[in-house]
Amino acid sequence: MSNEYTSAEPSRADIDATRGLMVLEFGDAYCSICAAARPAIETAMRTRPEVKHLKIADGRGRPLGRSFGIKLWPTLVFLQDGREVTRLVRPMDDQPIAMALQSLRADVAPA
């Protein structure tokens, strides 16, 4: 799993049209809280390899983060067929992340 956040964010329309299961992780490479949460996120994401995981570099004026109302990093947004199922803000333990991943149905066709 990459430690890098991409600044090439998809549009909200692209996210909304995405089929399958996805987690958007909003944060920044220089965020110490994001770095502290990384092991828990990686541990939980390994349990669901079929879930697409996008790490989005967020910040002032970034349209995708603003469209999701992101205020704190890291924020994980769990999506199923482009619709938000749940979200976690600043998760530091893999258990809440694993539970949120369980809320995503495995019977959805991949994107």
N, C-alpha and C. Protein backbone atom coordinates (compact mmCIF):
# COMPACT_ATOMS: atom_id res chain seq x y z
N MET A 1 0.85 -1.17 0.00
CA MET A 1 0.00 0.00 0.00
C MET A 1 0.90 1.23 0.00
N SER A 2 0.57 2.18 -0.84
CA SER A 2 1.38 3.38 -0.97
C SER A 2 1.17 4.33 0.21
N ASN A 3 2.25 4.97 0.63
CA ASN A 3 2.15 5.98 1.68
C ASN A 3 1.83 7.35 1.12
N GLU A 4 1.80 7.46 -0.21
CA GLU A 4 1.62 8.74 -0.86
C GLU A 4 0.14 9.04 -1.11
N TYR A 5 -0.18 10.29 -0.91
CA TYR A 5 -1.49 10.80 -1.27
C TYR A 5 -1.39 11.42 -2.65
N THR A 6 -2.36 11.16 -3.51
CA THR A 6 -2.33 11.71 -4.85
C THR A 6 -3.00 13.07 -4.90
N SER A 7 -2.37 13.98 -5.61
CA SER A 7 -2.98 15.30 -5.80
C SER A 7 -3.87 15.32 -7.03
N ALA A 8 -3.78 14.27 -7.85
CA ALA A 8 -4.61 14.15 -9.05
C ALA A 8 -5.93 13.50 -8.65
N GLU A 9 -6.79 14.30 -8.06
CA GLU A 9 -8.05 13.74 -7.55
C GLU A 9 -9.08 13.59 -8.65
N PRO A 10 -9.89 12.53 -8.57
CA PRO A 10 -11.01 12.39 -9.51
C PRO A 10 -12.07 13.44 -9.19
N SER A 11 -12.96 13.65 -10.13
CA SER A 11 -14.06 14.59 -9.88
C SER A 11 -15.12 13.90 -9.01
N ARG A 12 -15.95 14.70 -8.40
CA ARG A 12 -17.04 14.13 -7.60
C ARG A 12 -17.99 13.33 -8.49
N ALA A 13 -18.20 13.81 -9.72
CA ALA A 13 -19.06 13.07 -10.66
C ALA A 13 -18.49 11.69 -10.96
N ASP A 14 -17.16 11.61 -11.12
CA ASP A 14 -16.51 10.32 -11.36
C ASP A 14 -16.69 9.39 -10.16
N ILE A 15 -16.52 9.93 -8.96
CA ILE A 15 -16.70 9.13 -7.75
C ILE A 15 -18.14 8.64 -7.65
N ASP A 16 -19.09 9.54 -7.85
CA ASP A 16 -20.50 9.17 -7.76
C ASP A 16 -20.89 8.10 -8.78
N ALA A 17 -20.21 8.06 -9.92
CA ALA A 17 -20.52 7.10 -10.97
C ALA A 17 -19.75 5.79 -10.83
N THR A 18 -18.86 5.70 -9.86
CA THR A 18 -18.02 4.51 -9.70
C THR A 18 -18.86 3.34 -9.20
N ARG A 19 -18.69 2.21 -9.85
CA ARG A 19 -19.36 0.97 -9.43
C ARG A 19 -18.41 0.21 -8.51
N GLY A 20 -18.97 -0.47 -7.53
CA GLY A 20 -18.18 -1.31 -6.65
C GLY A 20 -17.90 -0.64 -5.31
N LEU A 21 -16.90 -1.18 -4.63
CA LEU A 21 -16.58 -0.77 -3.26
C LEU A 21 -15.31 0.07 -3.27
N MET A 22 -15.33 1.16 -2.50
CA MET A 22 -14.19 2.07 -2.49
C MET A 22 -14.09 2.77 -1.15
N VAL A 23 -12.85 3.03 -0.75
CA VAL A 23 -12.59 3.87 0.41
C VAL A 23 -11.76 5.05 -0.07
N LEU A 24 -12.26 6.25 0.21
CA LEU A 24 -11.49 7.46 -0.04
C LEU A 24 -10.83 7.85 1.27
N GLU A 25 -9.53 8.01 1.26
CA GLU A 25 -8.79 8.46 2.43
C GLU A 25 -8.29 9.87 2.15
N PHE A 26 -8.82 10.83 2.87
CA PHE A 26 -8.40 12.22 2.72
C PHE A 26 -7.36 12.54 3.77
N GLY A 27 -6.25 13.11 3.35
CA GLY A 27 -5.19 13.46 4.27
C GLY A 27 -4.09 14.20 3.56
N ASP A 28 -2.88 14.13 4.12
CA ASP A 28 -1.73 14.79 3.52
C ASP A 28 -0.46 14.08 3.98
N ALA A 29 0.53 14.04 3.11
CA ALA A 29 1.78 13.36 3.42
C ALA A 29 2.50 13.97 4.61
N TYR A 30 2.27 15.24 4.90
CA TYR A 30 2.95 15.93 6.00
C TYR A 30 2.14 15.94 7.29
N CYS A 31 1.02 15.25 7.29
CA CYS A 31 0.13 15.21 8.46
C CYS A 31 0.60 14.11 9.42
N SER A 32 0.99 14.51 10.63
CA SER A 32 1.48 13.53 11.60
C SER A 32 0.36 12.60 12.08
N ILE A 33 -0.86 13.09 12.14
CA ILE A 33 -1.98 12.24 12.55
C ILE A 33 -2.27 11.20 11.46
N CYS A 34 -2.12 11.60 10.21
CA CYS A 34 -2.29 10.65 9.10
C CYS A 34 -1.23 9.55 9.19
N ALA A 35 0.00 9.94 9.48
CA ALA A 35 1.08 8.97 9.61
C ALA A 35 0.82 8.01 10.78
N ALA A 36 0.30 8.54 11.87
CA ALA A 36 0.01 7.71 13.05
C ALA A 36 -1.13 6.72 12.76
N ALA A 37 -2.08 7.10 11.91
CA ALA A 37 -3.22 6.25 11.59
C ALA A 37 -2.88 5.21 10.51
N ARG A 38 -1.81 5.44 9.78
CA ARG A 38 -1.48 4.58 8.63
C ARG A 38 -1.41 3.09 8.97
N PRO A 39 -0.74 2.66 10.05
CA PRO A 39 -0.69 1.22 10.33
C PRO A 39 -2.08 0.59 10.54
N ALA A 40 -2.95 1.28 11.23
CA ALA A 40 -4.30 0.74 11.46
C ALA A 40 -5.07 0.66 10.15
N ILE A 41 -4.94 1.67 9.31
CA ILE A 41 -5.63 1.67 8.02
C ILE A 41 -5.11 0.53 7.15
N GLU A 42 -3.79 0.39 7.08
CA GLU A 42 -3.20 -0.67 6.27
C GLU A 42 -3.61 -2.06 6.76
N THR A 43 -3.61 -2.25 8.06
CA THR A 43 -4.01 -3.55 8.64
C THR A 43 -5.45 -3.88 8.26
N ALA A 44 -6.35 -2.94 8.43
CA ALA A 44 -7.76 -3.18 8.12
C ALA A 44 -7.99 -3.38 6.63
N MET A 45 -7.33 -2.58 5.80
CA MET A 45 -7.54 -2.68 4.35
C MET A 45 -7.04 -4.02 3.81
N ARG A 46 -6.06 -4.63 4.44
CA ARG A 46 -5.56 -5.94 3.98
C ARG A 46 -6.64 -7.02 4.10
N THR A 47 -7.63 -6.82 4.96
CA THR A 47 -8.70 -7.81 5.12
C THR A 47 -9.71 -7.75 3.98
N ARG A 48 -9.71 -6.67 3.22
CA ARG A 48 -10.67 -6.51 2.11
C ARG A 48 -9.94 -6.04 0.85
N PRO A 49 -9.12 -6.89 0.24
CA PRO A 49 -8.33 -6.47 -0.92
C PRO A 49 -9.18 -6.09 -2.14
N GLU A 50 -10.43 -6.51 -2.15
CA GLU A 50 -11.30 -6.17 -3.29
C GLU A 50 -11.83 -4.74 -3.21
N VAL A 51 -11.62 -4.06 -2.10
CA VAL A 51 -12.08 -2.69 -1.93
C VAL A 51 -11.01 -1.74 -2.45
N LYS A 52 -11.38 -0.93 -3.42
CA LYS A 52 -10.44 0.06 -3.97
C LYS A 52 -10.17 1.13 -2.92
N HIS A 53 -8.91 1.51 -2.77
CA HIS A 53 -8.50 2.49 -1.75
C HIS A 53 -7.77 3.63 -2.43
N LEU A 54 -8.37 4.82 -2.40
CA LEU A 54 -7.74 6.01 -2.98
C LEU A 54 -7.32 6.95 -1.87
N LYS A 55 -6.05 7.33 -1.88
CA LYS A 55 -5.52 8.27 -0.90
C LYS A 55 -5.44 9.63 -1.59
N ILE A 56 -6.28 10.55 -1.15
CA ILE A 56 -6.43 11.85 -1.79
C ILE A 56 -5.76 12.93 -0.95
N ALA A 57 -4.82 13.66 -1.56
CA ALA A 57 -4.21 14.81 -0.88
C ALA A 57 -5.27 15.90 -0.78
N ASP A 58 -5.56 16.28 0.44
CA ASP A 58 -6.62 17.25 0.68
C ASP A 58 -6.00 18.57 1.13
N GLY A 59 -6.79 19.60 1.09
CA GLY A 59 -6.34 20.90 1.54
C GLY A 59 -7.29 21.98 1.08
N ARG A 60 -6.99 23.19 1.47
CA ARG A 60 -7.82 24.34 1.11
C ARG A 60 -7.98 24.42 -0.41
N GLY A 61 -9.21 24.58 -0.84
CA GLY A 61 -9.51 24.72 -2.26
C GLY A 61 -9.54 23.42 -3.05
N ARG A 62 -9.41 22.29 -2.39
CA ARG A 62 -9.47 21.00 -3.08
C ARG A 62 -10.93 20.58 -3.21
N PRO A 63 -11.45 20.53 -4.44
CA PRO A 63 -12.89 20.34 -4.63
C PRO A 63 -13.46 19.02 -4.12
N LEU A 64 -12.73 17.91 -4.26
CA LEU A 64 -13.31 16.64 -3.83
C LEU A 64 -13.49 16.61 -2.32
N GLY A 65 -12.49 17.03 -1.59
CA GLY A 65 -12.62 17.07 -0.13
C GLY A 65 -13.73 18.00 0.32
N ARG A 66 -13.86 19.14 -0.34
CA ARG A 66 -14.92 20.08 0.03
C ARG A 66 -16.29 19.48 -0.26
N SER A 67 -16.40 18.72 -1.37
CA SER A 67 -17.71 18.14 -1.71
C SER A 67 -18.15 17.10 -0.69
N PHE A 68 -17.19 16.49 0.02
CA PHE A 68 -17.51 15.53 1.07
C PHE A 68 -17.52 16.17 2.46
N GLY A 69 -17.27 17.46 2.55
CA GLY A 69 -17.30 18.16 3.84
C GLY A 69 -16.16 17.75 4.76
N ILE A 70 -15.00 17.44 4.21
CA ILE A 70 -13.85 17.01 5.00
C ILE A 70 -13.30 18.18 5.80
N LYS A 71 -13.13 17.97 7.10
CA LYS A 71 -12.61 19.01 7.98
C LYS A 71 -11.36 18.58 8.72
N LEU A 72 -11.22 17.28 9.01
CA LEU A 72 -10.07 16.76 9.76
C LEU A 72 -9.44 15.61 8.99
N TRP A 73 -8.15 15.44 9.18
CA TRP A 73 -7.41 14.35 8.53
C TRP A 73 -6.93 13.36 9.56
N PRO A 74 -6.81 12.13 9.21
CA PRO A 74 -7.39 11.54 8.01
C PRO A 74 -8.88 11.29 8.21
N THR A 75 -9.59 11.39 7.12
CA THR A 75 -11.00 10.99 7.09
C THR A 75 -11.14 9.91 6.04
N LEU A 76 -11.77 8.81 6.42
CA LEU A 76 -12.05 7.70 5.51
C LEU A 76 -13.53 7.73 5.16
N VAL A 77 -13.83 7.76 3.87
CA VAL A 77 -15.20 7.72 3.39
C VAL A 77 -15.39 6.39 2.67
N PHE A 78 -16.33 5.58 3.16
CA PHE A 78 -16.59 4.25 2.64
C PHE A 78 -17.75 4.34 1.67
N LEU A 79 -17.51 3.93 0.42
CA LEU A 79 -18.49 4.08 -0.66
C LEU A 79 -18.86 2.74 -1.25
N GLN A 80 -20.11 2.65 -1.63
CA GLN A 80 -20.63 1.49 -2.34
C GLN A 80 -21.39 2.01 -3.54
N ASP A 81 -20.91 1.67 -4.73
CA ASP A 81 -21.51 2.17 -5.97
C ASP A 81 -21.66 3.69 -5.95
N GLY A 82 -20.61 4.37 -5.48
CA GLY A 82 -20.58 5.83 -5.50
C GLY A 82 -21.35 6.52 -4.41
N ARG A 83 -21.98 5.76 -3.53
CA ARG A 83 -22.76 6.34 -2.43
C ARG A 83 -22.07 6.09 -1.10
N GLU A 84 -22.04 7.13 -0.28
CA GLU A 84 -21.41 7.00 1.03
C GLU A 84 -22.23 6.08 1.93
N VAL A 85 -21.53 5.10 2.51
CA VAL A 85 -22.15 4.17 3.45
C VAL A 85 -21.86 4.63 4.88
N THR A 86 -20.60 4.99 5.12
CA THR A 86 -20.19 5.47 6.44
C THR A 86 -18.88 6.21 6.29
N ARG A 87 -18.42 6.82 7.38
CA ARG A 87 -17.12 7.48 7.39
C ARG A 87 -16.53 7.42 8.78
N LEU A 88 -15.21 7.51 8.81
CA LEU A 88 -14.47 7.55 10.07
C LEU A 88 -13.52 8.74 10.01
N VAL A 89 -13.45 9.46 11.12
CA VAL A 89 -12.54 10.59 11.22
C VAL A 89 -11.47 10.26 12.24
N ARG A 90 -10.23 10.36 11.81
CA ARG A 90 -9.06 10.11 12.65
C ARG A 90 -9.08 8.75 13.35
N PRO A 91 -9.28 7.68 12.59
CA PRO A 91 -9.25 6.36 13.22
C PRO A 91 -7.82 5.98 13.60
N MET A 92 -7.63 5.50 14.80
CA MET A 92 -6.29 5.12 15.26
C MET A 92 -6.17 3.63 15.55
N ASP A 93 -7.28 2.90 15.42
CA ASP A 93 -7.30 1.47 15.69
C ASP A 93 -7.92 0.78 14.48
N ASP A 94 -7.43 -0.40 14.15
CA ASP A 94 -7.94 -1.09 12.97
C ASP A 94 -9.35 -1.65 13.15
N GLN A 95 -9.81 -1.86 14.37
CA GLN A 95 -11.13 -2.45 14.59
C GLN A 95 -12.28 -1.60 14.05
N PRO A 96 -12.34 -0.29 14.34
CA PRO A 96 -13.42 0.52 13.75
C PRO A 96 -13.36 0.54 12.22
N ILE A 97 -12.16 0.51 11.68
CA ILE A 97 -12.02 0.50 10.22
C ILE A 97 -12.53 -0.82 9.67
N ALA A 98 -12.16 -1.92 10.30
CA ALA A 98 -12.64 -3.24 9.87
C ALA A 98 -14.16 -3.33 9.95
N MET A 99 -14.74 -2.75 11.00
CA MET A 99 -16.21 -2.76 11.12
C MET A 99 -16.84 -1.94 10.01
N ALA A 100 -16.26 -0.80 9.69
CA ALA A 100 -16.78 0.01 8.59
C ALA A 100 -16.65 -0.72 7.27
N LEU A 101 -15.55 -1.42 7.07
CA LEU A 101 -15.38 -2.22 5.85
C LEU A 101 -16.43 -3.32 5.77
N GLN A 102 -16.82 -3.89 6.91
CA GLN A 102 -17.85 -4.93 6.92
C GLN A 102 -19.21 -4.37 6.49
N SER A 103 -19.40 -3.07 6.66
CA SER A 103 -20.68 -2.46 6.24
C SER A 103 -20.79 -2.39 4.72
N LEU A 104 -19.68 -2.61 4.02
CA LEU A 104 -19.70 -2.65 2.56
C LEU A 104 -20.03 -4.07 2.13
N ARG A 105 -21.04 -4.21 1.30
CA ARG A 105 -21.47 -5.55 0.86
C ARG A 105 -20.47 -6.13 -0.13
N ALA A 106 -20.08 -7.35 0.08
CA ALA A 106 -19.12 -8.03 -0.79
C ALA A 106 -19.75 -8.49 -2.10
N ASP A 107 -21.09 -8.51 -2.18
CA ASP A 107 -21.75 -9.01 -3.38
C ASP A 107 -21.90 -7.97 -4.48
N VAL A 108 -21.32 -6.79 -4.29
CA VAL A 108 -21.37 -5.74 -5.30
C VAL A 108 -20.28 -6.02 -6.32
N ALA A 109 -20.63 -5.89 -7.59
CA ALA A 109 -19.65 -6.13 -8.66
C ALA A 109 -18.55 -5.09 -8.60
N PRO A 110 -17.30 -5.50 -8.85
CA PRO A 110 -16.19 -4.55 -8.83
C PRO A 110 -16.30 -3.55 -9.97
N ALA A 111 -15.63 -2.40 -9.77
CA ALA A 111 -15.67 -1.33 -10.79
C ALA A 111 -14.91 -1.75 -12.02
